Amino acid sequence: MDLNDKILTHIKEVIGLSADDTSFDTDILTHINGSVGELNQNGVGNAIVVDEDTTWRDLENPEQGDANDYFKMVPLFIALNTKILFDPPPPSSVEVHSAQIAKLLWRLKIAYETS
């Protein structure tokens, strides 16, 4: 992941959609923005509204200094959170996904609080 990558394009590719397929963009952006809000409430990143042109650099808050060393976990958190809401995995995997999401959020929160 490059910080100049567009968030929507990156998340669409991670959840298995073509970057050219715009039919679900509104739904995906809704879930992405929910994830961004959750991260921001936990002290991670900028409080922004993601649209089709927003990049990871726009989300990263340079004022958070050393904590941004952990920013690389943010795309995974957003991707898993979006995937479980947009295209849930089989019931046997939902608990694993949910546990990973909770663990990532906890690790990010601690990293940004202590830096």
PDB file of N, CA and C in Angstrom:
ATOM      1  N   MET A   1       0.832  -1.174   0.000  1.00  0.00           N
ATOM      2  CA  MET A   1       0.000   0.000   0.000  1.00  0.00           C
ATOM      3  C   MET A   1       0.883   1.245   0.000  1.00  0.00           C
ATOM      4  N   ASP A   2       0.545   2.155  -0.847  1.00  0.00           N
ATOM      5  CA  ASP A   2       1.215   3.444  -0.940  1.00  0.00           C
ATOM      6  C   ASP A   2       0.264   4.491  -0.359  1.00  0.00           C
ATOM      7  N   LEU A   3       0.788   5.452   0.372  1.00  0.00           N
ATOM      8  CA  LEU A   3      -0.070   6.474   0.966  1.00  0.00           C
ATOM      9  C   LEU A   3      -0.810   7.307  -0.071  1.00  0.00           C
ATOM     10  N   ASN A   4      -0.335   7.289  -1.321  1.00  0.00           N
ATOM     11  CA  ASN A   4      -1.002   8.043  -2.376  1.00  0.00           C
ATOM     12  C   ASN A   4      -2.092   7.234  -3.076  1.00  0.00           C
ATOM     13  N   ASP A   5      -2.267   5.969  -2.683  1.00  0.00           N
ATOM     14  CA  ASP A   5      -3.345   5.147  -3.244  1.00  0.00           C
ATOM     15  C   ASP A   5      -4.684   5.686  -2.773  1.00  0.00           C
ATOM     16  N   LYS A   6      -5.679   5.588  -3.642  1.00  0.00           N
ATOM     17  CA  LYS A   6      -7.030   5.994  -3.267  1.00  0.00           C
ATOM     18  C   LYS A   6      -7.633   4.919  -2.361  1.00  0.00           C
ATOM     19  N   ILE A   7      -8.230   5.356  -1.285  1.00  0.00           N
ATOM     20  CA  ILE A   7      -8.790   4.434  -0.301  1.00  0.00           C
ATOM     21  C   ILE A   7      -9.870   3.557  -0.925  1.00  0.00           C
ATOM     22  N   LEU A   8     -10.809   4.150  -1.629  1.00  0.00           N
ATOM     23  CA  LEU A   8     -11.909   3.381  -2.210  1.00  0.00           C
ATOM     24  C   LEU A   8     -11.393   2.304  -3.161  1.00  0.00           C
ATOM     25  N   THR A   9     -10.483   2.664  -4.032  1.00  0.00           N
ATOM     26  CA  THR A   9      -9.928   1.705  -4.997  1.00  0.00           C
ATOM     27  C   THR A   9      -9.233   0.564  -4.268  1.00  0.00           C
ATOM     28  N   HIS A  10      -8.432   0.885  -3.273  1.00  0.00           N
ATOM     29  CA  HIS A  10      -7.703  -0.125  -2.512  1.00  0.00           C
ATOM     30  C   HIS A  10      -8.661  -1.080  -1.799  1.00  0.00           C
ATOM     31  N   ILE A  11      -9.651  -0.542  -1.126  1.00  0.00           N
ATOM     32  CA  ILE A  11     -10.603  -1.376  -0.387  1.00  0.00           C
ATOM     33  C   ILE A  11     -11.417  -2.243  -1.348  1.00  0.00           C
ATOM     34  N   LYS A  12     -11.831  -1.699  -2.475  1.00  0.00           N
ATOM     35  CA  LYS A  12     -12.574  -2.497  -3.455  1.00  0.00           C
ATOM     36  C   LYS A  12     -11.749  -3.691  -3.921  1.00  0.00           C
ATOM     37  N   GLU A  13     -10.481  -3.478  -4.180  1.00  0.00           N
ATOM     38  CA  GLU A  13      -9.618  -4.567  -4.623  1.00  0.00           C
ATOM     39  C   GLU A  13      -9.443  -5.612  -3.516  1.00  0.00           C
ATOM     40  N   VAL A  14      -9.285  -5.157  -2.281  1.00  0.00           N
ATOM     41  CA  VAL A  14      -9.102  -6.084  -1.160  1.00  0.00           C
ATOM     42  C   VAL A  14     -10.348  -6.946  -0.947  1.00  0.00           C
ATOM     43  N   ILE A  15     -11.535  -6.368  -1.118  1.00  0.00           N
ATOM     44  CA  ILE A  15     -12.748  -7.151  -0.898  1.00  0.00           C
ATOM     45  C   ILE A  15     -13.202  -7.906  -2.146  1.00  0.00           C
ATOM     46  N   GLY A  16     -12.399  -7.823  -3.209  1.00  0.00           N
ATOM     47  CA  GLY A  16     -12.652  -8.654  -4.382  1.00  0.00           C
ATOM     48  C   GLY A  16     -13.454  -8.021  -5.495  1.00  0.00           C
ATOM     49  N   LEU A  17     -13.552  -6.705  -5.515  1.00  0.00           N
ATOM     50  CA  LEU A  17     -14.254  -6.017  -6.591  1.00  0.00           C
ATOM     51  C   LEU A  17     -13.250  -5.345  -7.524  1.00  0.00           C
ATOM     52  N   SER A  18     -13.632  -5.202  -8.750  1.00  0.00           N
ATOM     53  CA  SER A  18     -12.805  -4.492  -9.718  1.00  0.00           C
ATOM     54  C   SER A  18     -12.837  -2.999  -9.408  1.00  0.00           C
ATOM     55  N   ALA A  19     -11.713  -2.358  -9.585  1.00  0.00           N
ATOM     56  CA  ALA A  19     -11.641  -0.911  -9.353  1.00  0.00           C
ATOM     57  C   ALA A  19     -12.575  -0.161 -10.311  1.00  0.00           C
ATOM     58  N   ASP A  20     -12.865  -0.772 -11.466  1.00  0.00           N
ATOM     59  CA  ASP A  20     -13.729  -0.133 -12.471  1.00  0.00           C
ATOM     60  C   ASP A  20     -15.218  -0.268 -12.174  1.00  0.00           C
ATOM     61  N   ASP A  21     -15.580  -1.205 -11.310  1.00  0.00           N
ATOM     62  CA  ASP A  21     -16.983  -1.438 -10.977  1.00  0.00           C
ATOM     63  C   ASP A  21     -17.432  -0.401  -9.955  1.00  0.00           C
ATOM     64  N   THR A  22     -18.286   0.510 -10.374  1.00  0.00           N
ATOM     65  CA  THR A  22     -18.740   1.584  -9.482  1.00  0.00           C
ATOM     66  C   THR A  22     -20.139   1.331  -8.919  1.00  0.00           C
ATOM     67  N   SER A  23     -20.723   0.175  -9.219  1.00  0.00           N
ATOM     68  CA  SER A  23     -22.114  -0.079  -8.837  1.00  0.00           C
ATOM     69  C   SER A  23     -22.339  -0.141  -7.329  1.00  0.00           C
ATOM     70  N   PHE A  24     -21.306  -0.421  -6.560  1.00  0.00           N
ATOM     71  CA  PHE A  24     -21.462  -0.512  -5.108  1.00  0.00           C
ATOM     72  C   PHE A  24     -20.699   0.579  -4.354  1.00  0.00           C
ATOM     73  N   ASP A  25     -20.200   1.575  -5.063  1.00  0.00           N
ATOM     74  CA  ASP A  25     -19.370   2.600  -4.431  1.00  0.00           C
ATOM     75  C   ASP A  25     -20.054   3.296  -3.255  1.00  0.00           C
ATOM     76  N   THR A  26     -21.331   3.613  -3.381  1.00  0.00           N
ATOM     77  CA  THR A  26     -22.034   4.304  -2.299  1.00  0.00           C
ATOM     78  C   THR A  26     -22.066   3.441  -1.038  1.00  0.00           C
ATOM     79  N   ASP A  27     -22.390   2.169  -1.202  1.00  0.00           N
ATOM     80  CA  ASP A  27     -22.429   1.261  -0.051  1.00  0.00           C
ATOM     81  C   ASP A  27     -21.047   1.099   0.574  1.00  0.00           C
ATOM     82  N   ILE A  28     -20.043   0.909  -0.259  1.00  0.00           N
ATOM     83  CA  ILE A  28     -18.681   0.703   0.236  1.00  0.00           C
ATOM     84  C   ILE A  28     -18.175   1.959   0.939  1.00  0.00           C
ATOM     85  N   LEU A  29     -18.424   3.120   0.347  1.00  0.00           N
ATOM     86  CA  LEU A  29     -17.998   4.368   0.978  1.00  0.00           C
ATOM     87  C   LEU A  29     -18.686   4.583   2.328  1.00  0.00           C
ATOM     88  N   THR A  30     -19.938   4.173   2.437  1.00  0.00           N
ATOM     89  CA  THR A  30     -20.646   4.283   3.715  1.00  0.00           C
ATOM     90  C   THR A  30     -19.929   3.469   4.786  1.00  0.00           C
ATOM     91  N   HIS A  31     -19.537   2.238   4.443  1.00  0.00           N
ATOM     92  CA  HIS A  31     -18.843   1.384   5.407  1.00  0.00           C
ATOM     93  C   HIS A  31     -17.427   1.889   5.693  1.00  0.00           C
ATOM     94  N   ILE A  32     -16.747   2.378   4.673  1.00  0.00           N
ATOM     95  CA  ILE A  32     -15.410   2.953   4.870  1.00  0.00           C
ATOM     96  C   ILE A  32     -15.496   4.133   5.827  1.00  0.00           C
ATOM     97  N   ASN A  33     -16.458   5.013   5.604  1.00  0.00           N
ATOM     98  CA  ASN A  33     -16.590   6.199   6.452  1.00  0.00           C
ATOM     99  C   ASN A  33     -16.986   5.838   7.877  1.00  0.00           C
ATOM    100  N   GLY A  34     -17.768   4.780   8.040  1.00  0.00           N
ATOM    101  CA  GLY A  34     -18.063   4.296   9.384  1.00  0.00           C
ATOM    102  C   GLY A  34     -16.798   3.839  10.086  1.00  0.00           C
ATOM    103  N   SER A  35     -15.936   3.151   9.349  1.00  0.00           N
ATOM    104  CA  SER A  35     -14.662   2.681   9.903  1.00  0.00           C
ATOM    105  C   SER A  35     -13.748   3.845  10.243  1.00  0.00           C
ATOM    106  N   VAL A  36     -13.703   4.839   9.365  1.00  0.00           N
ATOM    107  CA  VAL A  36     -12.875   6.022   9.612  1.00  0.00           C
ATOM    108  C   VAL A  36     -13.370   6.749  10.861  1.00  0.00           C
ATOM    109  N   GLY A  37     -14.683   6.853  11.014  1.00  0.00           N
ATOM    110  CA  GLY A  37     -15.236   7.478  12.211  1.00  0.00           C
ATOM    111  C   GLY A  37     -14.869   6.719  13.477  1.00  0.00           C
ATOM    112  N   GLU A  38     -14.938   5.396  13.408  1.00  0.00           N
ATOM    113  CA  GLU A  38     -14.574   4.574  14.559  1.00  0.00           C
ATOM    114  C   GLU A  38     -13.097   4.749  14.909  1.00  0.00           C
ATOM    115  N   LEU A  39     -12.243   4.779  13.886  1.00  0.00           N
ATOM    116  CA  LEU A  39     -10.820   5.005  14.126  1.00  0.00           C
ATOM    117  C   LEU A  39     -10.597   6.372  14.761  1.00  0.00           C
ATOM    118  N   ASN A  40     -11.250   7.386  14.209  1.00  0.00           N
ATOM    119  CA  ASN A  40     -11.058   8.741  14.714  1.00  0.00           C
ATOM    120  C   ASN A  40     -11.525   8.883  16.150  1.00  0.00           C
ATOM    121  N   GLN A  41     -12.627   8.237  16.501  1.00  0.00           N
ATOM    122  CA  GLN A  41     -13.103   8.276  17.887  1.00  0.00           C
ATOM    123  C   GLN A  41     -12.113   7.604  18.837  1.00  0.00           C
ATOM    124  N   ASN A  42     -11.241   6.769  18.293  1.00  0.00           N
ATOM    125  CA  ASN A  42     -10.227   6.097  19.095  1.00  0.00           C
ATOM    126  C   ASN A  42      -8.855   6.749  18.950  1.00  0.00           C
ATOM    127  N   GLY A  43      -8.838   7.967  18.387  1.00  0.00           N
ATOM    128  CA  GLY A  43      -7.612   8.753  18.329  1.00  0.00           C
ATOM    129  C   GLY A  43      -6.715   8.486  17.143  1.00  0.00           C
ATOM    130  N   VAL A  44      -7.231   7.833  16.116  1.00  0.00           N
ATOM    131  CA  VAL A  44      -6.412   7.458  14.964  1.00  0.00           C
ATOM    132  C   VAL A  44      -6.824   8.261  13.735  1.00  0.00           C
ATOM    133  N   GLY A  45      -5.882   8.960  13.127  1.00  0.00           N
ATOM    134  CA  GLY A  45      -6.102   9.632  11.850  1.00  0.00           C
ATOM    135  C   GLY A  45      -6.903  10.911  11.926  1.00  0.00           C
ATOM    136  N   ASN A  46      -7.120  11.467  10.737  1.00  0.00           N
ATOM    137  CA  ASN A  46      -7.888  12.697  10.578  1.00  0.00           C
ATOM    138  C   ASN A  46      -9.379  12.403  10.541  1.00  0.00           C
ATOM    139  N   ALA A  47     -10.180  13.334  11.009  1.00  0.00           N
ATOM    140  CA  ALA A  47     -11.636  13.232  10.906  1.00  0.00           C
ATOM    141  C   ALA A  47     -12.033  13.750   9.528  1.00  0.00           C
ATOM    142  N   ILE A  48     -12.164  12.832   8.589  1.00  0.00           N
ATOM    143  CA  ILE A  48     -12.495  13.210   7.214  1.00  0.00           C
ATOM    144  C   ILE A  48     -13.656  12.362   6.717  1.00  0.00           C
ATOM    145  N   VAL A  49     -14.249  12.810   5.618  1.00  0.00           N
ATOM    146  CA  VAL A  49     -15.234  12.016   4.901  1.00  0.00           C
ATOM    147  C   VAL A  49     -14.545  11.526   3.635  1.00  0.00           C
ATOM    148  N   VAL A  50     -14.475  10.216   3.503  1.00  0.00           N
ATOM    149  CA  VAL A  50     -13.800   9.610   2.359  1.00  0.00           C
ATOM    150  C   VAL A  50     -14.740   9.623   1.159  1.00  0.00           C
ATOM    151  N   ASP A  51     -14.211  10.043   0.007  1.00  0.00           N
ATOM    152  CA  ASP A  51     -14.946   9.946  -1.252  1.00  0.00           C
ATOM    153  C   ASP A  51     -14.070   9.189  -2.244  1.00  0.00           C
ATOM    154  N   GLU A  52     -14.447   9.179  -3.499  1.00  0.00           N
ATOM    155  CA  GLU A  52     -13.716   8.374  -4.491  1.00  0.00           C
ATOM    156  C   GLU A  52     -12.290   8.864  -4.745  1.00  0.00           C
ATOM    157  N   ASP A  53     -11.963  10.064  -4.343  1.00  0.00           N
ATOM    158  CA  ASP A  53     -10.624  10.604  -4.589  1.00  0.00           C
ATOM    159  C   ASP A  53      -9.733  10.672  -3.350  1.00  0.00           C
ATOM    160  N   THR A  54     -10.245  10.306  -2.194  1.00  0.00           N
ATOM    161  CA  THR A  54      -9.487  10.402  -0.958  1.00  0.00           C
ATOM    162  C   THR A  54      -8.376   9.355  -0.926  1.00  0.00           C
ATOM    163  N   THR A  55      -7.184   9.780  -0.505  1.00  0.00           N
ATOM    164  CA  THR A  55      -6.043   8.864  -0.418  1.00  0.00           C
ATOM    165  C   THR A  55      -5.752   8.534   1.049  1.00  0.00           C
ATOM    166  N   TRP A  56      -4.914   7.521   1.224  1.00  0.00           N
ATOM    167  CA  TRP A  56      -4.495   7.160   2.587  1.00  0.00           C
ATOM    168  C   TRP A  56      -3.755   8.314   3.239  1.00  0.00           C
ATOM    169  N   ARG A  57      -3.018   9.081   2.455  1.00  0.00           N
ATOM    170  CA  ARG A  57      -2.287  10.236   2.991  1.00  0.00           C
ATOM    171  C   ARG A  57      -3.256  11.261   3.586  1.00  0.00           C
ATOM    172  N   ASP A  58      -4.442  11.395   2.967  1.00  0.00           N
ATOM    173  CA  ASP A  58      -5.453  12.324   3.492  1.00  0.00           C
ATOM    174  C   ASP A  58      -5.945  11.883   4.868  1.00  0.00           C
ATOM    175  N   LEU A  59      -5.974  10.575   5.087  1.00  0.00           N
ATOM    176  CA  LEU A  59      -6.456  10.036   6.361  1.00  0.00           C
ATOM    177  C   LEU A  59      -5.396  10.103   7.457  1.00  0.00           C
ATOM    178  N   GLU A  60      -4.144   9.912   7.080  1.00  0.00           N
ATOM    179  CA  GLU A  60      -3.060   9.940   8.064  1.00  0.00           C
ATOM    180  C   GLU A  60      -2.892  11.357   8.603  1.00  0.00           C
ATOM    181  N   ASN A  61      -2.772  11.474   9.910  1.00  0.00           N
ATOM    182  CA  ASN A  61      -2.615  12.778  10.545  1.00  0.00           C
ATOM    183  C   ASN A  61      -1.136  12.984  10.889  1.00  0.00           C
ATOM    184  N   PRO A  62      -0.429  13.876  10.165  1.00  0.00           N
ATOM    185  CA  PRO A  62       0.990  14.073  10.426  1.00  0.00           C
ATOM    186  C   PRO A  62       1.293  14.579  11.841  1.00  0.00           C
ATOM    187  N   GLU A  63       0.318  15.180  12.484  1.00  0.00           N
ATOM    188  CA  GLU A  63       0.520  15.678  13.850  1.00  0.00           C
ATOM    189  C   GLU A  63       0.587  14.549  14.875  1.00  0.00           C
ATOM    190  N   GLN A  64       0.277  13.328  14.463  1.00  0.00           N
ATOM    191  CA  GLN A  64       0.303  12.198  15.393  1.00  0.00           C
ATOM    192  C   GLN A  64       1.680  11.553  15.464  1.00  0.00           C
ATOM    193  N   GLY A  65       2.655  12.145  14.783  1.00  0.00           N
ATOM    194  CA  GLY A  65       4.064  11.784  14.908  1.00  0.00           C
ATOM    195  C   GLY A  65       4.392  10.307  14.846  1.00  0.00           C
ATOM    196  N   ASP A  66       5.086   9.825  15.880  1.00  0.00           N
ATOM    197  CA  ASP A  66       5.564   8.448  15.905  1.00  0.00           C
ATOM    198  C   ASP A  66       4.445   7.418  15.848  1.00  0.00           C
ATOM    199  N   ALA A  67       3.256   7.781  16.271  1.00  0.00           N
ATOM    200  CA  ALA A  67       2.134   6.848  16.226  1.00  0.00           C
ATOM    201  C   ALA A  67       1.855   6.409  14.792  1.00  0.00           C
ATOM    202  N   ASN A  68       2.180   7.259  13.832  1.00  0.00           N
ATOM    203  CA  ASN A  68       1.934   6.919  12.435  1.00  0.00           C
ATOM    204  C   ASN A  68       2.771   5.735  11.958  1.00  0.00           C
ATOM    205  N   ASP A  69       3.739   5.283  12.767  1.00  0.00           N
ATOM    206  CA  ASP A  69       4.454   4.052  12.436  1.00  0.00           C
ATOM    207  C   ASP A  69       3.480   2.878  12.399  1.00  0.00           C
ATOM    208  N   TYR A  70       2.357   3.007  13.094  1.00  0.00           N
ATOM    209  CA  TYR A  70       1.352   1.949  13.164  1.00  0.00           C
ATOM    210  C   TYR A  70       0.217   2.148  12.158  1.00  0.00           C
ATOM    211  N   PHE A  71       0.299   3.213  11.368  1.00  0.00           N
ATOM    212  CA  PHE A  71      -0.762   3.520  10.406  1.00  0.00           C
ATOM    213  C   PHE A  71      -0.953   2.397   9.401  1.00  0.00           C
ATOM    214  N   LYS A  72       0.071   1.594   9.190  1.00  0.00           N
ATOM    215  CA  LYS A  72      -0.018   0.499   8.217  1.00  0.00           C
ATOM    216  C   LYS A  72      -1.094  -0.521   8.589  1.00  0.00           C
ATOM    217  N   MET A  73      -1.570  -0.515   9.842  1.00  0.00           N
ATOM    218  CA  MET A  73      -2.656  -1.402  10.265  1.00  0.00           C
ATOM    219  C   MET A  73      -4.028  -0.836   9.892  1.00  0.00           C
ATOM    220  N   VAL A  74      -4.098   0.447   9.596  1.00  0.00           N
ATOM    221  CA  VAL A  74      -5.369   1.101   9.298  1.00  0.00           C
ATOM    222  C   VAL A  74      -6.053   0.512   8.066  1.00  0.00           C
ATOM    223  N   PRO A  75      -5.354   0.315   6.942  1.00  0.00           N
ATOM    224  CA  PRO A  75      -6.032  -0.263   5.774  1.00  0.00           C
ATOM    225  C   PRO A  75      -6.621  -1.655   6.045  1.00  0.00           C
ATOM    226  N   LEU A  76      -5.924  -2.466   6.819  1.00  0.00           N
ATOM    227  CA  LEU A  76      -6.449  -3.786   7.152  1.00  0.00           C
ATOM    228  C   LEU A  76      -7.705  -3.656   8.008  1.00  0.00           C
ATOM    229  N   PHE A  77      -7.687  -2.775   8.986  1.00  0.00           N
ATOM    230  CA  PHE A  77      -8.867  -2.558   9.820  1.00  0.00           C
ATOM    231  C   PHE A  77     -10.049  -2.133   8.956  1.00  0.00           C
ATOM    232  N   ILE A  78      -9.847  -1.152   8.092  1.00  0.00           N
ATOM    233  CA  ILE A  78     -10.935  -0.648   7.252  1.00  0.00           C
ATOM    234  C   ILE A  78     -11.410  -1.728   6.287  1.00  0.00           C
ATOM    235  N   ALA A  79     -10.481  -2.478   5.704  1.00  0.00           N
ATOM    236  CA  ALA A  79     -10.856  -3.533   4.758  1.00  0.00           C
ATOM    237  C   ALA A  79     -11.681  -4.622   5.435  1.00  0.00           C
ATOM    238  N   LEU A  80     -11.223  -5.100   6.594  1.00  0.00           N
ATOM    239  CA  LEU A  80     -11.966  -6.151   7.302  1.00  0.00           C
ATOM    240  C   LEU A  80     -13.332  -5.649   7.765  1.00  0.00           C
ATOM    241  N   ASN A  81     -13.365  -4.447   8.290  1.00  0.00           N
ATOM    242  CA  ASN A  81     -14.619  -3.872   8.761  1.00  0.00           C
ATOM    243  C   ASN A  81     -15.601  -3.688   7.605  1.00  0.00           C
ATOM    244  N   THR A  82     -15.112  -3.215   6.476  1.00  0.00           N
ATOM    245  CA  THR A  82     -15.962  -3.027   5.298  1.00  0.00           C
ATOM    246  C   THR A  82     -16.439  -4.371   4.763  1.00  0.00           C
ATOM    247  N   LYS A  83     -15.531  -5.329   4.672  1.00  0.00           N
ATOM    248  CA  LYS A  83     -15.878  -6.658   4.145  1.00  0.00           C
ATOM    249  C   LYS A  83     -16.964  -7.322   4.984  1.00  0.00           C
ATOM    250  N   ILE A  84     -16.817  -7.288   6.301  1.00  0.00           N
ATOM    251  CA  ILE A  84     -17.786  -7.973   7.158  1.00  0.00           C
ATOM    252  C   ILE A  84     -19.170  -7.322   7.075  1.00  0.00           C
ATOM    253  N   LEU A  85     -19.222  -6.033   6.770  1.00  0.00           N
ATOM    254  CA  LEU A  85     -20.498  -5.341   6.630  1.00  0.00           C
ATOM    255  C   LEU A  85     -21.064  -5.437   5.219  1.00  0.00           C
ATOM    256  N   PHE A  86     -20.200  -5.327   4.212  1.00  0.00           N
ATOM    257  CA  PHE A  86     -20.642  -5.306   2.824  1.00  0.00           C
ATOM    258  C   PHE A  86     -20.888  -6.706   2.267  1.00  0.00           C
ATOM    259  N   ASP A  87     -19.972  -7.614   2.549  1.00  0.00           N
ATOM    260  CA  ASP A  87     -20.046  -8.973   2.009  1.00  0.00           C
ATOM    261  C   ASP A  87     -19.595  -9.943   3.097  1.00  0.00           C
ATOM    262  N   PRO A  88     -20.473 -10.207   4.061  1.00  0.00           N
ATOM    263  CA  PRO A  88     -20.064 -11.012   5.214  1.00  0.00           C
ATOM    264  C   PRO A  88     -19.515 -12.378   4.819  1.00  0.00           C
ATOM    265  N   PRO A  89     -18.497 -12.827   5.538  1.00  0.00           N
ATOM    266  CA  PRO A  89     -17.949 -14.156   5.282  1.00  0.00           C
ATOM    267  C   PRO A  89     -18.933 -15.222   5.779  1.00  0.00           C
ATOM    268  N   PRO A  90     -18.657 -16.486   5.493  1.00  0.00           N
ATOM    269  CA  PRO A  90     -19.524 -17.546   6.012  1.00  0.00           C
ATOM    270  C   PRO A  90     -19.618 -17.454   7.536  1.00  0.00           C
ATOM    271  N   PRO A  91     -20.748 -17.893   8.090  1.00  0.00           N
ATOM    272  CA  PRO A  91     -20.942 -17.790   9.546  1.00  0.00           C
ATOM    273  C   PRO A  91     -19.781 -18.360  10.369  1.00  0.00           C
ATOM    274  N   SER A  92     -19.141 -19.375   9.877  1.00  0.00           N
ATOM    275  CA  SER A  92     -18.032 -19.967  10.631  1.00  0.00           C
ATOM    276  C   SER A  92     -16.820 -19.038  10.714  1.00  0.00           C
ATOM    277  N   SER A  93     -16.746 -18.035   9.833  1.00  0.00           N
ATOM    278  CA  SER A  93     -15.610 -17.116   9.808  1.00  0.00           C
ATOM    279  C   SER A  93     -15.908 -15.749  10.412  1.00  0.00           C
ATOM    280  N   VAL A  94     -17.166 -15.456  10.649  1.00  0.00           N
ATOM    281  CA  VAL A  94     -17.533 -14.136  11.157  1.00  0.00           C
ATOM    282  C   VAL A  94     -16.842 -13.844  12.485  1.00  0.00           C
ATOM    283  N   GLU A  95     -16.805 -14.825  13.371  1.00  0.00           N
ATOM    284  CA  GLU A  95     -16.183 -14.620  14.678  1.00  0.00           C
ATOM    285  C   GLU A  95     -14.688 -14.327  14.552  1.00  0.00           C
ATOM    286  N   VAL A  96     -14.027 -15.010  13.630  1.00  0.00           N
ATOM    287  CA  VAL A  96     -12.592 -14.785  13.405  1.00  0.00           C
ATOM    288  C   VAL A  96     -12.370 -13.367  12.884  1.00  0.00           C
ATOM    289  N   HIS A  97     -13.169 -12.951  11.903  1.00  0.00           N
ATOM    290  CA  HIS A  97     -13.060 -11.595  11.364  1.00  0.00           C
ATOM    291  C   HIS A  97     -13.332 -10.556  12.449  1.00  0.00           C
ATOM    292  N   SER A  98     -14.388 -10.767  13.210  1.00  0.00           N
ATOM    293  CA  SER A  98     -14.754  -9.814  14.259  1.00  0.00           C
ATOM    294  C   SER A  98     -13.658  -9.696  15.315  1.00  0.00           C
ATOM    295  N   ALA A  99     -13.063 -10.822  15.677  1.00  0.00           N
ATOM    296  CA  ALA A  99     -11.985 -10.794  16.667  1.00  0.00           C
ATOM    297  C   ALA A  99     -10.770 -10.045  16.127  1.00  0.00           C
ATOM    298  N   GLN A 100     -10.458 -10.242  14.853  1.00  0.00           N
ATOM    299  CA  GLN A 100      -9.328  -9.546  14.243  1.00  0.00           C
ATOM    300  C   GLN A 100      -9.583  -8.040  14.195  1.00  0.00           C
ATOM    301  N   ILE A 101     -10.793  -7.641  13.860  1.00  0.00           N
ATOM    302  CA  ILE A 101     -11.156  -6.221  13.812  1.00  0.00           C
ATOM    303  C   ILE A 101     -10.997  -5.593  15.201  1.00  0.00           C
ATOM    304  N   ALA A 102     -11.517  -6.267  16.214  1.00  0.00           N
ATOM    305  CA  ALA A 102     -11.421  -5.749  17.583  1.00  0.00           C
ATOM    306  C   ALA A 102      -9.965  -5.653  18.031  1.00  0.00           C
ATOM    307  N   LYS A 103      -9.169  -6.655  17.684  1.00  0.00           N
ATOM    308  CA  LYS A 103      -7.755  -6.649  18.059  1.00  0.00           C
ATOM    309  C   LYS A 103      -6.999  -5.514  17.366  1.00  0.00           C
ATOM    310  N   LEU A 104      -7.258  -5.312  16.092  1.00  0.00           N
ATOM    311  CA  LEU A 104      -6.611  -4.217  15.372  1.00  0.00           C
ATOM    312  C   LEU A 104      -6.975  -2.869  15.965  1.00  0.00           C
ATOM    313  N   LEU A 105      -8.258  -2.672  16.265  1.00  0.00           N
ATOM    314  CA  LEU A 105      -8.690  -1.400  16.837  1.00  0.00           C
ATOM    315  C   LEU A 105      -8.020  -1.175  18.190  1.00  0.00           C
ATOM    316  N   TRP A 106      -7.958  -2.206  19.020  1.00  0.00           N
ATOM    317  CA  TRP A 106      -7.317  -2.084  20.331  1.00  0.00           C
ATOM    318  C   TRP A 106      -5.839  -1.726  20.169  1.00  0.00           C
ATOM    319  N   ARG A 107      -5.134  -2.426  19.258  1.00  0.00           N
ATOM    320  CA  ARG A 107      -3.711  -2.154  19.055  1.00  0.00           C
ATOM    321  C   ARG A 107      -3.486  -0.739  18.546  1.00  0.00           C
ATOM    322  N   LEU A 108      -4.322  -0.277  17.622  1.00  0.00           N
ATOM    323  CA  LEU A 108      -4.195   1.090  17.113  1.00  0.00           C
ATOM    324  C   LEU A 108      -4.459   2.098  18.221  1.00  0.00           C
ATOM    325  N   LYS A 109      -5.499   1.878  18.997  1.00  0.00           N
ATOM    326  CA  LYS A 109      -5.852   2.803  20.076  1.00  0.00           C
ATOM    327  C   LYS A 109      -4.688   2.925  21.058  1.00  0.00           C
ATOM    328  N   ILE A 110      -4.120   1.808  21.469  1.00  0.00           N
ATOM    329  CA  ILE A 110      -2.988   1.826  22.410  1.00  0.00           C
ATOM    330  C   ILE A 110      -1.782   2.521  21.785  1.00  0.00           C
ATOM    331  N   ALA A 111      -1.478   2.202  20.531  1.00  0.00           N
ATOM    332  CA  ALA A 111      -0.319   2.805  19.865  1.00  0.00           C
ATOM    333  C   ALA A 111      -0.462   4.327  19.767  1.00  0.00           C
ATOM    334  N   TYR A 112      -1.656   4.791  19.436  1.00  0.00           N
ATOM    335  CA  TYR A 112      -1.846   6.238  19.273  1.00  0.00           C
ATOM    336  C   TYR A 112      -1.973   6.946  20.617  1.00  0.00           C
ATOM    337  N   GLU A 113      -2.435   6.264  21.636  1.00  0.00           N
ATOM    338  CA  GLU A 113      -2.508   6.885  22.971  1.00  0.00           C
ATOM    339  C   GLU A 113      -1.134   7.022  23.612  1.00  0.00           C
ATOM    340  N   THR A 114      -0.248   6.072  23.369  1.00  0.00           N
ATOM    341  CA  THR A 114       1.049   6.066  24.052  1.00  0.00           C
ATOM    342  C   THR A 114       2.141   6.771  23.287  1.00  0.00           C
ATOM    343  N   SER A 115       1.874   7.197  22.077  1.00  0.00           N
ATOM    344  CA  SER A 115       2.929   7.874  21.303  1.00  0.00           C
ATOM    345  C   SER A 115       2.839   9.375  21.443  1.00  0.00           C
TER     346      SER A 115
END
